Protein backbone atom coordinates (compact mmCIF):
# COMPACT_ATOMS: atom_id res chain seq x y z
CA MET A 1 -104.57 25.68 -62.42
CA THR A 2 -103.32 22.05 -62.68
CA ALA A 3 -105.51 19.18 -62.93
CA GLU A 4 -104.82 17.84 -59.51
CA GLN A 5 -106.09 21.24 -58.05
CA ILE A 6 -109.31 20.76 -60.57
CA ILE A 7 -109.73 17.17 -59.14
CA ILE A 8 -108.98 18.33 -55.11
CA GLY A 9 -111.10 20.95 -56.03
CA ILE A 10 -114.13 18.84 -57.18
CA VAL A 11 -113.73 16.59 -54.38
CA ARG A 12 -113.84 19.21 -51.91
CA ILE A 13 -116.97 21.28 -53.20
CA GLY A 14 -118.71 17.82 -53.94
CA GLY A 15 -118.19 17.10 -50.02
CA ALA A 16 -119.79 20.64 -48.48
CA LEU A 17 -122.63 19.64 -50.23
CA PRO A 18 -123.83 16.23 -48.02
CA VAL A 19 -124.04 19.35 -45.48
CA LEU A 20 -127.28 20.74 -46.55
CA ARG A 21 -129.44 17.54 -46.61
CA TRP A 22 -127.63 15.76 -43.17
CA ALA A 23 -126.52 18.93 -40.97
CA PHE A 24 -124.85 16.31 -38.42
CA ALA A 25 -123.78 13.83 -41.01
CA GLY A 26 -122.75 15.87 -43.70
CA SER A 27 -120.97 18.01 -41.51
CA LEU A 28 -118.49 15.24 -39.97
CA ILE A 29 -118.27 14.28 -44.30
CA ALA A 30 -117.03 17.58 -45.07
CA ILE A 31 -114.66 17.60 -42.65
CA VAL A 32 -113.49 13.97 -43.40
CA VAL A 33 -113.09 15.09 -47.26
CA ASP A 34 -111.37 18.47 -46.03
CA PHE A 35 -108.44 16.37 -45.04
CA SER A 36 -108.77 13.95 -47.91
CA ASP A 37 -106.87 16.29 -50.14
CA LEU A 38 -103.49 15.40 -47.69
CA PHE A 39 -103.97 11.75 -49.27
CA LEU A 40 -105.13 12.98 -52.60
CA MET A 41 -101.98 15.17 -53.00
CA GLY A 42 -100.24 11.79 -52.15
CA TRP A 43 -101.98 9.43 -55.00
CA ILE A 44 -102.81 12.12 -57.99
CA ARG A 45 -99.67 13.46 -59.63
CA LEU A 46 -100.98 15.83 -62.06
CA GLY A 47 -98.95 18.87 -61.50
CA GLY A 48 -99.13 19.70 -57.93
CA ILE A 49 -100.87 22.30 -55.63
CA GLY A 50 -98.21 25.21 -55.49
CA ASP A 51 -99.32 27.01 -52.42
CA TYR A 52 -101.37 24.59 -50.11
CA GLN A 53 -102.16 26.39 -47.55
CA ALA A 54 -103.93 29.55 -49.05
CA PHE A 55 -105.50 26.47 -51.70
CA ASP A 56 -106.78 24.97 -48.69
CA LYS A 57 -108.27 27.73 -47.33
CA TRP A 58 -109.83 28.92 -50.12
CA LEU A 59 -111.49 25.43 -50.55
CA ASP A 60 -112.40 25.36 -47.20
CA LEU A 61 -114.89 28.45 -47.96
CA THR A 62 -117.56 26.13 -49.87
CA TYR A 63 -118.08 23.95 -46.36
CA LEU A 64 -118.11 27.02 -44.36
CA VAL A 65 -120.59 28.44 -46.67
CA ALA A 66 -122.99 25.23 -46.13
CA PHE A 67 -122.83 25.15 -43.01
CA LEU A 68 -123.65 28.52 -42.46
CA TRP A 69 -126.79 28.25 -45.30
CA VAL A 70 -127.79 25.12 -42.34
CA VAL A 71 -127.52 27.96 -39.47
CA TRP A 72 -129.11 30.74 -41.24
CA LYS A 73 -132.22 28.36 -42.22
CA HIS A 74 -132.84 26.27 -39.41
CA TRP A 75 -130.93 27.14 -36.07
CA ASP A 76 -132.26 29.26 -33.28
CA ARG A 77 -131.32 33.38 -32.31
CA SER A 78 -129.11 32.48 -29.79
CA VAL A 79 -126.69 29.71 -31.23
CA LYS A 80 -127.12 31.07 -34.98
CA LEU A 81 -125.63 34.32 -33.35
CA VAL A 82 -122.73 32.39 -31.86
CA ALA A 83 -122.51 31.12 -35.17
CA VAL A 84 -122.54 33.98 -37.40
CA GLY A 85 -120.10 35.58 -35.23
CA LEU A 86 -117.34 32.60 -34.76
CA LEU A 87 -117.76 32.90 -38.68
CA ALA A 88 -116.61 36.47 -39.01
CA PHE A 89 -114.12 36.02 -36.53
CA ARG A 90 -112.34 33.29 -38.96
CA MET A 91 -112.97 35.39 -42.12
CA LEU A 92 -111.13 38.41 -40.55
CA GLY A 93 -108.06 35.82 -39.98
CA PHE A 94 -108.99 34.68 -43.58
CA VAL A 95 -108.40 37.67 -45.23
CA ALA A 96 -105.05 38.52 -42.73
CA PHE A 97 -103.79 35.12 -43.88
CA GLU A 98 -104.21 35.66 -47.74
CA LEU A 99 -102.80 39.59 -47.45
CA SER A 100 -99.49 38.07 -45.34
CA GLY A 101 -99.38 34.29 -45.93
CA ALA A 102 -98.47 34.26 -42.04
CA ARG A 103 -99.46 30.87 -40.86
CA TRP A 104 -99.30 32.28 -37.52
CA ILE A 105 -102.46 34.06 -38.16
CA LEU A 106 -104.80 30.77 -38.39
CA LEU A 107 -103.57 29.82 -34.78
CA ALA A 108 -104.92 33.57 -33.80
CA PHE A 109 -107.79 33.28 -35.74
CA PRO A 110 -109.19 29.17 -35.24
CA ASN A 111 -112.10 28.33 -37.21
CA VAL A 112 -113.89 27.22 -33.89
CA PHE A 113 -117.11 27.71 -36.19
CA GLU A 114 -116.60 24.52 -37.85
CA PHE A 115 -115.99 22.89 -34.24
CA TRP A 116 -119.26 24.64 -33.19
CA PHE A 117 -121.55 23.50 -35.91
CA VAL A 118 -120.37 20.26 -35.53
CA GLY A 119 -121.63 19.75 -31.84
CA ILE A 120 -124.60 22.08 -32.18
CA SER A 121 -126.00 20.02 -35.20
CA ALA A 122 -125.07 16.78 -33.40
CA GLN A 123 -126.76 18.69 -30.55
CA ARG A 124 -129.99 19.15 -32.65
CA HIS A 125 -129.81 15.23 -34.05
CA TRP A 126 -129.88 13.42 -30.93
CA TRP A 127 -130.91 15.95 -28.16
CA SER A 128 -133.03 18.96 -29.75
CA ASP A 129 -134.78 19.69 -26.31
CA TYR A 130 -131.63 20.45 -24.64
CA ASP A 131 -131.57 24.16 -23.68
CA PHE A 132 -128.76 26.67 -24.59
CA THR A 133 -128.57 29.28 -22.08
CA THR A 134 -125.76 31.67 -21.72
CA THR A 135 -123.76 29.43 -19.21
CA ARG A 136 -124.26 26.41 -21.92
CA ILE A 137 -122.90 28.34 -24.59
CA THR A 138 -119.94 29.61 -22.97
CA LEU A 139 -119.14 25.90 -21.84
CA TRP A 140 -119.53 24.63 -25.29
CA LEU A 141 -118.03 27.35 -26.63
CA THR A 142 -114.82 26.82 -24.26
CA ILE A 143 -114.54 23.39 -25.15
CA CYS A 144 -114.83 23.59 -28.89
CA THR A 145 -111.87 26.34 -28.54
CA VAL A 146 -109.71 23.86 -26.73
CA LEU A 147 -110.41 21.55 -29.42
CA LYS A 148 -109.53 23.52 -32.55
CA MET A 149 -106.93 25.20 -30.87
CA ALA A 150 -105.27 22.21 -30.43
CA GLN A 151 -105.99 21.01 -34.06
CA GLU A 152 -104.88 24.34 -35.33
CA TRP A 153 -101.58 24.18 -33.46
CA VAL A 154 -101.02 20.35 -34.67
CA LEU A 155 -101.34 21.74 -38.32
CA HIS A 156 -100.01 24.86 -38.44
CA GLY A 157 -98.09 26.08 -34.88
CA GLY A 158 -96.19 22.61 -34.56
CA ARG A 159 -96.32 22.15 -38.63
CA TYR A 160 -96.19 18.42 -37.32
CA LEU A 161 -97.84 17.12 -40.61
CA ASP A 162 -95.69 19.01 -43.03
CA ARG A 163 -93.01 16.75 -42.95
CA TYR A 164 -94.99 14.23 -43.84
CA ARG A 165 -97.56 12.79 -46.64
CA ALA A 166 -100.60 11.52 -45.50
CA VAL A 167 -100.62 8.57 -47.07
CA ASP A 168 -96.99 7.77 -45.41
CA LEU A 169 -98.25 9.19 -41.78
CA ALA A 170 -101.39 6.22 -42.05
CA ALA A 171 -98.25 3.53 -43.29
CA ASP A 172 -96.50 4.95 -40.32
CA TRP A 173 -99.11 4.55 -37.85
CA TRP A 174 -100.47 1.04 -39.30
CA ASN A 175 -96.76 -0.06 -39.02
CA ALA A 176 -96.76 1.36 -35.72
CA ILE A 177 -99.82 -0.33 -34.34
CA LEU A 178 -98.75 -3.63 -35.79
CA SER A 179 -95.59 -3.74 -33.93
CA VAL A 180 -97.25 -3.26 -30.89
CA ILE A 181 -99.47 -6.25 -31.42
């Protein structure tokens, strides 16, 4: 394991911890920190990452376990069952990805659990009286799935960010914005 992997690993694990205290804000922090390694890899030059996709998926487990802890401790049965089912589905995909290394598996097993958790933690934070009926669960699952599939396609289907370091992409977007202004 390189020094770069250790530093990024510490950042990612630390980024998962706030969710244990603040479900909604912590989930957003965990997701932003999840993407931070794309920037850190551009700034830190301490041995590289090797197989980035596998490294990333293993580190994802830290925030997914933290999310699961919150689900298990604080959420009601119907929302908990959906969350556990979504996480189990993603874990099947994680194992299949680890065994095969094929990125299309990440599209077939999207991490809808992540978006579901953010949505439910937002609901718990602002609209605690909102009742999750079967119809509402279906609606929110559909929304979460569509949004997550779009993200997964950008990352793993189209691989649009594979050609960039995040630092370069941010600079390109900034320059594009400035050219319009």
